[in-house]
Protein backbone atom coordinates (compact mmCIF):
# COMPACT_ATOMS: atom_id res chain seq x y z
CA MET A 1 0.00 0.00 0.01
CA THR A 2 2.59 2.56 1.09
CA GLN A 3 5.73 2.78 -1.03
CA PRO A 4 9.06 3.19 0.78
CA LEU A 5 11.27 6.12 -0.14
CA ASN A 6 13.29 5.46 -3.28
CA ILE A 7 16.61 6.14 -1.58
CA PRO A 8 19.47 3.61 -1.48
CA THR A 9 19.66 1.77 1.85
CA SER A 10 23.22 2.96 2.45
CA ASN A 11 22.03 6.58 2.16
CA LYS A 12 19.13 5.89 4.54
CA ILE A 13 21.58 4.39 7.08
CA GLY A 14 23.80 7.46 6.68
CA ILE A 15 20.85 9.81 7.25
CA LEU A 16 19.77 7.79 10.30
CA THR A 17 23.32 7.77 11.69
CA LEU A 18 23.56 11.56 11.33
CA PHE A 19 20.13 11.97 12.92
CA LEU A 20 21.12 9.73 15.86
CA GLY A 21 24.41 11.56 16.36
CA VAL A 22 22.79 14.98 16.41
CA SER A 23 20.01 13.64 18.64
CA CYS A 24 22.51 12.19 21.12
CA VAL A 25 24.33 15.51 21.39
CA GLY A 26 21.07 17.42 21.67
CA LEU A 27 19.68 15.12 24.34
CA MET A 28 22.93 15.02 26.30
CA ILE A 29 23.50 18.74 26.83
CA LYS A 30 21.67 20.72 29.47
CA LEU A 31 18.73 22.67 28.18
CA PRO A 32 18.93 26.47 28.20
CA PRO A 33 16.87 27.86 31.10
CA ILE A 34 14.10 29.10 28.81
CA PHE A 35 13.28 25.48 27.74
CA ARG A 36 13.60 23.75 31.09
CA SER A 37 9.95 24.35 32.01
CA ILE A 38 8.80 22.45 28.88
CA ASP A 39 11.28 19.55 29.03
CA LYS A 40 8.56 16.88 29.17
CA GLU A 41 6.69 18.36 26.21
CA MET A 42 9.95 18.47 24.23
CA HIS A 43 10.56 14.77 24.96
CA PHE A 44 7.02 13.99 23.82
CA LEU A 45 7.39 15.95 20.57
CA PHE A 46 10.91 14.71 19.84
CA PHE A 47 9.86 11.06 20.03
CA LEU A 48 6.61 11.69 18.16
CA PHE A 49 8.48 13.29 15.25
CA SER A 50 11.38 10.83 15.48
CA ALA A 51 8.96 7.95 15.04
CA ALA A 52 7.46 9.70 12.04
CA PHE A 53 10.90 10.41 10.54
CA VAL A 54 12.22 6.88 10.97
CA ASN A 55 8.98 5.33 9.71
CA VAL A 56 9.08 7.47 6.58
CA LEU A 57 12.71 6.57 6.06
CA PHE A 58 12.49 2.80 6.72
CA GLY A 59 8.84 1.88 7.15
CA ASN A 60 6.90 0.40 4.31
CA GLY A 61 3.41 0.55 5.77
CA LYS A 62 3.76 -2.91 7.33
CA VAL A 63 3.22 -3.61 11.03
CA VAL A 64 6.48 -5.47 11.78
CA PRO A 65 8.85 -2.66 10.69
CA HIS A 66 6.68 -0.17 12.58
CA ILE A 67 6.90 -2.24 15.78
CA VAL A 68 10.69 -2.67 15.36
CA ILE A 69 11.08 1.11 14.99
CA PHE A 70 8.84 1.70 18.02
CA ILE A 71 10.92 -0.66 20.19
CA ALA A 72 14.24 0.72 18.87
CA LEU A 73 13.22 4.29 19.71
CA LEU A 74 11.95 3.21 23.12
CA PHE A 75 15.36 1.66 23.85
CA PHE A 76 17.10 4.74 22.45
CA GLY A 77 15.20 6.93 24.95
CA TYR A 78 16.09 4.57 27.80
CA PHE A 79 19.74 4.53 26.71
CA ILE A 80 19.90 8.35 26.56
CA GLU A 81 18.50 8.69 30.07
CA HIS A 82 21.18 6.35 31.40
CA ALA A 83 23.85 8.14 29.34
CA GLN A 84 22.79 11.44 30.95
CA GLU A 85 23.20 9.91 34.43
CA PHE A 86 26.59 8.40 33.45
CA SER A 87 27.82 11.70 32.01
CA ASN A 88 27.47 13.31 35.44
CA ARG A 89 30.09 10.89 36.82
CA PHE A 90 32.29 10.85 33.71
CA PHE A 91 32.79 14.58 33.12
CA ALA A 92 34.20 16.98 35.66
CA LYS A 93 31.48 19.49 34.76
CA ARG A 94 27.81 18.52 34.94
CA ILE A 95 26.50 18.59 31.36
CA HIS A 96 23.01 17.30 32.10
CA GLY A 97 20.57 16.43 34.84
CA ASN A 98 19.85 13.01 36.29
CA PHE A 99 18.03 9.97 35.00
CA ASP A 100 14.37 10.98 34.92
CA PRO A 101 11.65 8.29 34.70
CA GLU A 102 9.17 11.04 33.74
CA ASP A 103 11.20 11.62 30.53
CA LEU A 104 10.75 7.93 29.67
CA LYS A 105 7.01 8.31 30.26
CA TYR A 106 6.79 11.24 27.87
CA ASN A 107 9.04 9.51 25.31
CA SER A 108 6.69 6.52 25.28
CA MET A 109 3.63 8.80 25.11
CA GLY A 110 5.03 10.45 21.95
CA LEU A 111 5.79 7.05 20.41
CA THR A 112 2.34 5.73 21.35
CA LEU A 113 0.52 8.72 19.88
CA PHE A 114 2.43 8.27 16.63
CA SER A 115 1.54 4.58 16.59
CA VAL A 116 -2.15 5.33 17.12
CA LEU A 117 -2.06 7.83 14.26
CA TRP A 118 -0.08 5.42 12.09
CA PHE A 119 -2.49 2.54 12.66
CA PHE A 120 -5.50 4.79 12.06
CA ASN A 121 -3.93 6.03 8.82
CA THR A 122 -3.05 2.49 7.72
CA ILE A 123 -6.56 1.17 8.40
CA THR A 124 -8.16 4.20 6.67
CA LEU A 125 -5.97 3.75 3.57
CA LYS A 126 -6.79 0.06 3.39
CA LEU A 127 -10.49 0.78 3.74
CA PHE A 128 -10.42 3.42 0.98
CA HIS A 129 -8.37 1.08 -1.21
CA PHE A 130 -10.89 -1.74 -0.65
CA LEU A 131 -13.87 0.55 -1.38
CA TYR A 132 -12.22 1.93 -4.50
CA LYS A 133 -11.48 -1.55 -5.86
CA ARG A 134 -15.00 -2.70 -5.03
CA ASN A 135 -16.58 0.29 -6.77
CA SER A 136 -14.31 0.05 -9.82
CA HIS A 137 -15.35 -3.55 -10.44
CA GLU A 138 -19.09 -2.78 -10.46
């Protein structure tokens, strides 16, 4: 139903690697004071849009790749939270706060909302496709 992007896999992996690198740096540094009051919302939006980005890049409209991407991003969020905690012991200067279970909650909320929207979109497209085929054969 949905066609994957017509980009060579090696280029997709390069794009994803760049995205992950920039994301790691962005998630590891301490937020400027103006953004600290909306940290949870930023986690929610980052993971919502990350899920969309990676699904557009690698997803093909099938459930299994979507679930793999969901789980991979969930583990990525968990890894980043632990990396933030570790960085406080590794560097002489504190570059980030502590491990925050609330961040994991908002990460998973962003991923879950994307999944709900993705499944709704997939079901709607399949329904329209079915109705179109049925009407075109009459």
